[in-house]
Amino acid sequence: MGYNSSRDQWLIAESKATHINAATEQLGNTVESLLRMHPEAKIELRLFLDAKNFDLLKSGGEVYGWRMSAQGYLGWIDWETKQWVDMLIQGLKITVQRAP
């Protein structure tokens, strides 16, 4: 977690190979804690994945049901409605990136 004073924005990030559920849970816990201290905080969320899983998501594949939108956000397909669903934490989308 870090704060960018020039953008007045917090960055919360998690790095996981395939444990996306655990990563989203940890992101959620961190967001809740930050918002308790700074209710008006501007927050950006990122999930870093290893190259194999990032490339799989980027090519339209899935990792345990998780997918990545064309815009780079984490989500899934609701198979009943056939609609894309963004994974939201406190209304925030999660950007998926390749781990350095």
Protein backbone atom coordinates (compact mmCIF):
# COMPACT_ATOMS: atom_id res chain seq x y z
CA MET A 1 0.00 0.00 0.00
CA GLY A 2 1.28 3.45 -0.81
CA TYR A 3 0.15 7.05 -1.08
CA ASN A 4 0.82 9.33 -4.07
CA SER A 5 0.57 12.89 -2.78
CA SER A 6 0.69 14.45 -6.26
CA ARG A 7 -2.44 12.48 -7.23
CA ASP A 8 -3.92 12.44 -3.71
CA GLN A 9 -4.52 8.73 -4.21
CA TRP A 10 -3.78 5.48 -2.39
CA LEU A 11 -2.56 2.38 -4.22
CA ILE A 12 -3.40 -1.00 -2.70
CA ALA A 13 -1.87 -4.01 -4.46
CA GLU A 14 -1.60 -7.76 -3.97
CA SER A 15 0.64 -10.21 -5.77
CA LYS A 16 -0.53 -13.80 -6.18
CA ALA A 17 0.19 -16.58 -8.65
CA THR A 18 -3.18 -18.34 -8.70
CA HIS A 19 -4.75 -17.49 -5.33
CA ILE A 20 -6.99 -14.75 -6.69
CA ASN A 21 -9.71 -15.37 -4.09
CA ALA A 22 -7.20 -14.82 -1.29
CA ALA A 23 -5.89 -11.70 -3.02
CA THR A 24 -9.34 -10.15 -3.39
CA GLU A 25 -10.10 -10.93 0.25
CA GLN A 26 -6.88 -9.23 1.35
CA LEU A 27 -7.54 -6.23 -0.90
CA GLY A 28 -11.00 -5.93 0.64
CA ASN A 29 -9.64 -6.06 4.19
CA THR A 30 -7.05 -3.39 3.40
CA VAL A 31 -9.61 -1.12 1.71
CA GLU A 32 -11.94 -1.41 4.72
CA SER A 33 -9.12 -0.52 7.12
CA LEU A 34 -8.01 2.45 5.02
CA LEU A 35 -11.55 3.78 4.66
CA ARG A 36 -12.06 3.61 8.43
CA MET A 37 -9.07 5.95 8.85
CA HIS A 38 -9.65 8.05 5.70
CA PRO A 39 -13.33 7.81 4.64
CA GLU A 40 -12.85 10.10 1.62
CA ALA A 41 -9.70 8.36 0.35
CA LYS A 42 -9.23 7.95 -3.40
CA ILE A 43 -8.07 4.38 -3.98
CA GLU A 44 -6.66 2.38 -6.87
CA LEU A 45 -6.59 -1.44 -6.63
CA ARG A 46 -4.15 -3.69 -8.48
CA LEU A 47 -3.63 -7.43 -8.62
CA PHE A 48 -0.25 -8.64 -9.87
CA LEU A 49 -0.14 -12.15 -11.35
CA ASP A 50 2.76 -14.27 -12.52
CA ALA A 51 3.45 -14.19 -16.27
CA LYS A 52 1.77 -17.55 -16.98
CA ASN A 53 -1.55 -16.64 -15.39
CA PHE A 54 -1.51 -13.03 -16.57
CA ASP A 55 -0.96 -14.18 -20.16
CA LEU A 56 -3.75 -16.75 -19.79
CA LEU A 57 -6.21 -14.07 -18.63
CA LYS A 58 -5.04 -11.58 -21.24
CA SER A 59 -5.66 -14.12 -24.01
CA GLY A 60 -9.27 -14.62 -22.87
CA GLY A 61 -8.71 -17.64 -20.65
CA GLU A 62 -9.64 -18.04 -17.03
CA VAL A 63 -7.99 -18.94 -13.74
CA TYR A 64 -10.43 -20.72 -11.41
CA GLY A 65 -13.34 -18.82 -12.96
CA TRP A 66 -11.65 -15.42 -12.92
CA ARG A 67 -11.17 -13.49 -16.15
CA MET A 68 -9.78 -10.17 -17.28
CA SER A 69 -11.78 -7.64 -19.30
CA ALA A 70 -10.38 -5.99 -22.43
CA GLN A 71 -9.81 -2.93 -20.23
CA GLY A 72 -7.65 -4.99 -17.83
CA TYR A 73 -10.10 -5.37 -14.93
CA LEU A 74 -10.70 -8.51 -12.88
CA GLY A 75 -14.10 -10.17 -13.12
CA TRP A 76 -16.04 -13.18 -14.33
CA ILE A 77 -18.82 -14.25 -16.66
CA ASP A 78 -22.24 -14.77 -15.09
CA TRP A 79 -23.21 -17.94 -16.95
CA GLU A 80 -26.93 -17.47 -16.33
CA THR A 81 -27.03 -14.05 -17.98
CA LYS A 82 -23.90 -14.47 -20.17
CA GLN A 83 -22.83 -11.02 -18.93
CA TRP A 84 -19.47 -9.78 -17.74
CA VAL A 85 -19.34 -8.94 -14.01
CA ASP A 86 -16.58 -6.69 -12.64
CA MET A 87 -15.10 -7.74 -9.31
CA LEU A 88 -15.80 -4.70 -7.15
CA ILE A 89 -14.50 -3.88 -3.71
CA GLN A 90 -16.32 -0.92 -2.17
CA GLY A 91 -17.29 0.02 -5.74
CA LEU A 92 -13.68 -0.10 -6.99
CA LYS A 93 -12.50 -2.19 -9.94
CA ILE A 94 -9.28 -4.20 -9.69
CA THR A 95 -6.68 -3.69 -12.42
CA VAL A 96 -4.80 -6.88 -13.32
CA GLN A 97 -1.12 -6.57 -14.19
CA ARG A 98 1.83 -8.85 -14.79
CA ALA A 99 4.13 -9.12 -11.79
CA PRO A 100 7.57 -7.63 -12.40
